[in-house]
Amino acid sequence: MSKYSQVSTAIATIEQGRFQILCNHFLENSIGGELHSPGTVEGKDKTRTGKPDAYLYQEDGTYILAEFTTKENRDKKAFQDKLEKDLRDC
């Protein structure tokens, strides 16, 4: 099994809270900035309702908003509707 397949399979099996923590770490390490995660319960692998799921404050005074989902995109219309709703909510 390729590394890509291994990582893809591992990500597909983790619950929402851990997935969100993984995404937060990825954002911090790849983009940088001051991360705030109102959608994460501190110290637990759980999520909470909040928009956005996370945001990064940048040194130039701008923000990067992040929404995460574990929803599969097999139903492309439902997936697109969810992404559009997330963007409107932010």
N, C-alpha and C. Protein backbone atom coordinates (compact mmCIF):
# COMPACT_ATOMS: atom_id res chain seq x y z
N MET A 1 0.85 -1.18 0.00
CA MET A 1 0.00 0.00 0.00
C MET A 1 0.89 1.24 0.00
N SER A 2 0.55 2.20 -0.85
CA SER A 2 1.35 3.43 -0.94
C SER A 2 1.16 4.27 0.32
N LYS A 3 2.11 5.15 0.57
CA LYS A 3 1.99 6.07 1.72
C LYS A 3 0.73 6.90 1.60
N TYR A 4 0.42 7.36 0.37
CA TYR A 4 -0.79 8.17 0.16
C TYR A 4 -2.02 7.38 0.59
N SER A 5 -2.10 6.13 0.18
CA SER A 5 -3.25 5.30 0.54
C SER A 5 -3.32 5.08 2.04
N GLN A 6 -2.18 4.86 2.67
CA GLN A 6 -2.15 4.66 4.11
C GLN A 6 -2.66 5.90 4.85
N VAL A 7 -2.18 7.06 4.44
CA VAL A 7 -2.59 8.30 5.09
C VAL A 7 -4.07 8.55 4.84
N SER A 8 -4.51 8.38 3.61
CA SER A 8 -5.90 8.59 3.25
C SER A 8 -6.82 7.68 4.05
N THR A 9 -6.46 6.43 4.19
CA THR A 9 -7.26 5.47 4.96
C THR A 9 -7.28 5.85 6.44
N ALA A 10 -6.13 6.24 6.98
CA ALA A 10 -6.06 6.62 8.39
C ALA A 10 -6.92 7.86 8.67
N ILE A 11 -6.87 8.84 7.80
CA ILE A 11 -7.67 10.05 7.99
C ILE A 11 -9.16 9.73 7.93
N ALA A 12 -9.55 8.84 7.03
CA ALA A 12 -10.96 8.48 6.87
C ALA A 12 -11.53 7.78 8.10
N THR A 13 -10.67 7.21 8.93
CA THR A 13 -11.15 6.44 10.08
C THR A 13 -11.18 7.22 11.39
N ILE A 14 -10.63 8.43 11.42
CA ILE A 14 -10.62 9.16 12.69
C ILE A 14 -11.91 9.96 12.85
N GLU A 15 -12.29 10.19 14.10
CA GLU A 15 -13.52 10.92 14.37
C GLU A 15 -13.31 12.42 14.18
N GLN A 16 -14.40 13.16 14.20
CA GLN A 16 -14.38 14.59 13.88
C GLN A 16 -13.42 15.40 14.73
N GLY A 17 -13.41 15.15 16.03
CA GLY A 17 -12.56 15.94 16.92
C GLY A 17 -11.09 15.80 16.58
N ARG A 18 -10.65 14.59 16.38
CA ARG A 18 -9.24 14.36 16.03
C ARG A 18 -8.92 14.90 14.65
N PHE A 19 -9.87 14.78 13.72
CA PHE A 19 -9.67 15.32 12.37
C PHE A 19 -9.49 16.83 12.45
N GLN A 20 -10.30 17.49 13.24
CA GLN A 20 -10.19 18.94 13.38
C GLN A 20 -8.86 19.34 14.01
N ILE A 21 -8.41 18.61 15.00
CA ILE A 21 -7.11 18.88 15.63
C ILE A 21 -5.99 18.69 14.61
N LEU A 22 -6.07 17.63 13.81
CA LEU A 22 -5.09 17.40 12.75
C LEU A 22 -5.05 18.58 11.78
N CYS A 23 -6.23 19.04 11.36
CA CYS A 23 -6.31 20.17 10.44
C CYS A 23 -5.75 21.45 11.07
N ASN A 24 -6.03 21.67 12.35
CA ASN A 24 -5.49 22.84 13.05
C ASN A 24 -3.96 22.81 13.04
N HIS A 25 -3.39 21.66 13.35
CA HIS A 25 -1.93 21.54 13.34
C HIS A 25 -1.36 21.77 11.95
N PHE A 26 -2.05 21.24 10.95
CA PHE A 26 -1.60 21.45 9.57
C PHE A 26 -1.59 22.94 9.24
N LEU A 27 -2.67 23.65 9.58
CA LEU A 27 -2.73 25.09 9.30
C LEU A 27 -1.61 25.85 10.01
N GLU A 28 -1.44 25.56 11.28
CA GLU A 28 -0.39 26.23 12.05
C GLU A 28 0.99 26.01 11.44
N ASN A 29 1.27 24.78 11.06
CA ASN A 29 2.60 24.44 10.56
C ASN A 29 2.83 24.85 9.12
N SER A 30 1.78 24.89 8.31
CA SER A 30 1.98 25.22 6.90
C SER A 30 1.77 26.70 6.59
N ILE A 31 0.88 27.36 7.32
CA ILE A 31 0.59 28.77 7.04
C ILE A 31 1.19 29.68 8.10
N GLY A 32 1.09 29.28 9.34
CA GLY A 32 1.57 30.11 10.43
C GLY A 32 0.54 31.13 10.84
N GLY A 33 0.85 31.89 11.83
CA GLY A 33 -0.10 32.85 12.36
C GLY A 33 -0.60 32.38 13.71
N GLU A 34 -1.47 33.18 14.29
CA GLU A 34 -2.02 32.89 15.61
C GLU A 34 -3.33 32.14 15.44
N LEU A 35 -3.34 30.85 15.78
CA LEU A 35 -4.51 30.00 15.57
C LEU A 35 -5.49 30.13 16.73
N HIS A 36 -6.76 30.27 16.36
CA HIS A 36 -7.87 30.22 17.32
C HIS A 36 -8.84 29.18 16.79
N SER A 37 -9.35 28.34 17.67
CA SER A 37 -10.20 27.24 17.22
C SER A 37 -11.47 27.16 18.06
N PRO A 38 -12.45 28.04 17.78
CA PRO A 38 -13.69 28.00 18.56
C PRO A 38 -14.49 26.71 18.36
N GLY A 39 -14.19 25.95 17.32
CA GLY A 39 -14.91 24.70 17.06
C GLY A 39 -14.31 23.49 17.75
N THR A 40 -13.24 23.67 18.53
CA THR A 40 -12.58 22.56 19.20
C THR A 40 -12.75 22.69 20.71
N VAL A 41 -13.07 21.59 21.37
CA VAL A 41 -13.15 21.58 22.83
C VAL A 41 -11.73 21.35 23.35
N GLU A 42 -11.20 22.32 24.07
CA GLU A 42 -9.82 22.27 24.57
C GLU A 42 -9.61 21.05 25.46
N GLY A 43 -8.55 20.29 25.17
CA GLY A 43 -8.17 19.14 25.98
C GLY A 43 -8.96 17.87 25.70
N LYS A 44 -9.87 17.93 24.73
CA LYS A 44 -10.67 16.75 24.39
C LYS A 44 -10.70 16.59 22.87
N ASP A 45 -10.95 15.39 22.44
CA ASP A 45 -11.07 15.12 21.00
C ASP A 45 -12.52 15.29 20.58
N LYS A 46 -13.07 16.47 20.86
CA LYS A 46 -14.47 16.74 20.54
C LYS A 46 -14.57 18.08 19.83
N THR A 47 -15.66 18.22 19.08
CA THR A 47 -15.94 19.48 18.41
C THR A 47 -17.13 20.15 19.09
N ARG A 48 -17.29 21.45 18.82
CA ARG A 48 -18.46 22.16 19.29
C ARG A 48 -18.94 23.07 18.16
N THR A 49 -20.17 23.45 18.26
CA THR A 49 -20.73 24.33 17.25
C THR A 49 -20.05 25.68 17.33
N GLY A 50 -19.61 26.15 16.21
CA GLY A 50 -18.95 27.45 16.14
C GLY A 50 -18.57 27.74 14.71
N LYS A 51 -18.62 28.98 14.35
CA LYS A 51 -18.23 29.38 12.99
C LYS A 51 -17.21 30.48 13.09
N PRO A 52 -16.10 30.36 12.48
CA PRO A 52 -15.60 29.20 11.75
C PRO A 52 -15.08 28.15 12.72
N ASP A 53 -14.69 27.00 12.19
CA ASP A 53 -14.10 25.96 13.03
C ASP A 53 -12.77 26.44 13.59
N ALA A 54 -12.04 27.21 12.80
CA ALA A 54 -10.76 27.77 13.23
C ALA A 54 -10.46 29.01 12.40
N TYR A 55 -9.60 29.86 12.95
CA TYR A 55 -9.12 30.99 12.16
C TYR A 55 -7.71 31.32 12.58
N LEU A 56 -6.98 31.85 11.63
CA LEU A 56 -5.60 32.27 11.86
C LEU A 56 -5.53 33.78 11.71
N TYR A 57 -4.95 34.43 12.70
CA TYR A 57 -4.70 35.86 12.61
C TYR A 57 -3.30 36.04 12.04
N GLN A 58 -3.19 36.81 10.97
CA GLN A 58 -1.93 37.03 10.30
C GLN A 58 -1.29 38.35 10.74
N GLU A 59 0.01 38.45 10.62
CA GLU A 59 0.74 39.64 11.05
C GLU A 59 0.30 40.90 10.32
N ASP A 60 -0.22 40.75 9.10
CA ASP A 60 -0.64 41.92 8.33
C ASP A 60 -2.05 42.38 8.70
N GLY A 61 -2.64 41.78 9.75
CA GLY A 61 -3.96 42.19 10.22
C GLY A 61 -5.11 41.47 9.55
N THR A 62 -4.83 40.50 8.69
CA THR A 62 -5.88 39.75 8.03
C THR A 62 -6.14 38.44 8.77
N TYR A 63 -7.24 37.82 8.41
CA TYR A 63 -7.62 36.54 9.00
C TYR A 63 -7.78 35.50 7.90
N ILE A 64 -7.49 34.26 8.24
CA ILE A 64 -7.79 33.11 7.38
C ILE A 64 -8.81 32.28 8.15
N LEU A 65 -9.98 32.10 7.55
CA LEU A 65 -11.05 31.32 8.18
C LEU A 65 -11.00 29.90 7.66
N ALA A 66 -11.25 28.94 8.54
CA ALA A 66 -11.18 27.53 8.14
C ALA A 66 -12.43 26.78 8.61
N GLU A 67 -12.99 26.02 7.72
CA GLU A 67 -14.09 25.10 8.02
C GLU A 67 -13.61 23.70 7.66
N PHE A 68 -13.88 22.73 8.52
CA PHE A 68 -13.45 21.36 8.30
C PHE A 68 -14.68 20.46 8.21
N THR A 69 -14.59 19.41 7.42
CA THR A 69 -15.68 18.45 7.35
C THR A 69 -15.14 17.05 7.16
N THR A 70 -15.84 16.10 7.75
CA THR A 70 -15.55 14.70 7.52
C THR A 70 -16.60 14.11 6.60
N LYS A 71 -17.49 14.95 6.11
CA LYS A 71 -18.54 14.50 5.19
C LYS A 71 -17.91 14.07 3.88
N GLU A 72 -18.30 12.90 3.42
CA GLU A 72 -17.76 12.39 2.16
C GLU A 72 -18.39 13.13 0.99
N ASN A 73 -17.64 13.24 -0.08
CA ASN A 73 -18.15 13.96 -1.24
C ASN A 73 -18.71 13.03 -2.31
N ARG A 74 -19.21 11.87 -1.90
CA ARG A 74 -19.82 10.96 -2.87
C ARG A 74 -21.07 11.58 -3.47
N ASP A 75 -21.86 12.26 -2.64
CA ASP A 75 -23.01 13.00 -3.13
C ASP A 75 -22.53 14.43 -3.35
N LYS A 76 -22.09 14.71 -4.55
CA LYS A 76 -21.44 15.99 -4.85
C LYS A 76 -22.34 17.19 -4.56
N LYS A 77 -23.64 17.08 -4.79
CA LYS A 77 -24.56 18.19 -4.54
C LYS A 77 -24.65 18.48 -3.05
N ALA A 78 -24.81 17.45 -2.22
CA ALA A 78 -24.88 17.64 -0.77
C ALA A 78 -23.57 18.21 -0.23
N PHE A 79 -22.45 17.72 -0.76
CA PHE A 79 -21.14 18.21 -0.33
C PHE A 79 -20.97 19.68 -0.71
N GLN A 80 -21.34 20.04 -1.93
CA GLN A 80 -21.24 21.42 -2.39
C GLN A 80 -22.16 22.32 -1.56
N ASP A 81 -23.38 21.86 -1.27
CA ASP A 81 -24.31 22.64 -0.45
C ASP A 81 -23.73 22.89 0.94
N LYS A 82 -23.08 21.88 1.52
CA LYS A 82 -22.47 22.05 2.85
C LYS A 82 -21.35 23.08 2.81
N LEU A 83 -20.50 23.00 1.80
CA LEU A 83 -19.40 23.96 1.68
C LEU A 83 -19.93 25.37 1.50
N GLU A 84 -20.95 25.54 0.67
CA GLU A 84 -21.52 26.86 0.46
C GLU A 84 -22.14 27.42 1.74
N LYS A 85 -22.83 26.57 2.50
CA LYS A 85 -23.41 27.00 3.77
C LYS A 85 -22.32 27.41 4.75
N ASP A 86 -21.25 26.60 4.83
CA ASP A 86 -20.13 26.95 5.70
C ASP A 86 -19.55 28.32 5.35
N LEU A 87 -19.39 28.57 4.06
CA LEU A 87 -18.84 29.86 3.63
C LEU A 87 -19.78 31.01 4.00
N ARG A 88 -21.07 30.83 3.77
CA ARG A 88 -22.04 31.88 4.15
C ARG A 88 -22.01 32.13 5.66
N ASP A 89 -21.94 31.06 6.44
CA ASP A 89 -21.94 31.20 7.90
C ASP A 89 -20.72 31.93 8.42
N CYS A 90 -19.62 31.79 7.71
CA CYS A 90 -18.39 32.49 8.12
C CYS A 90 -18.49 33.97 7.80
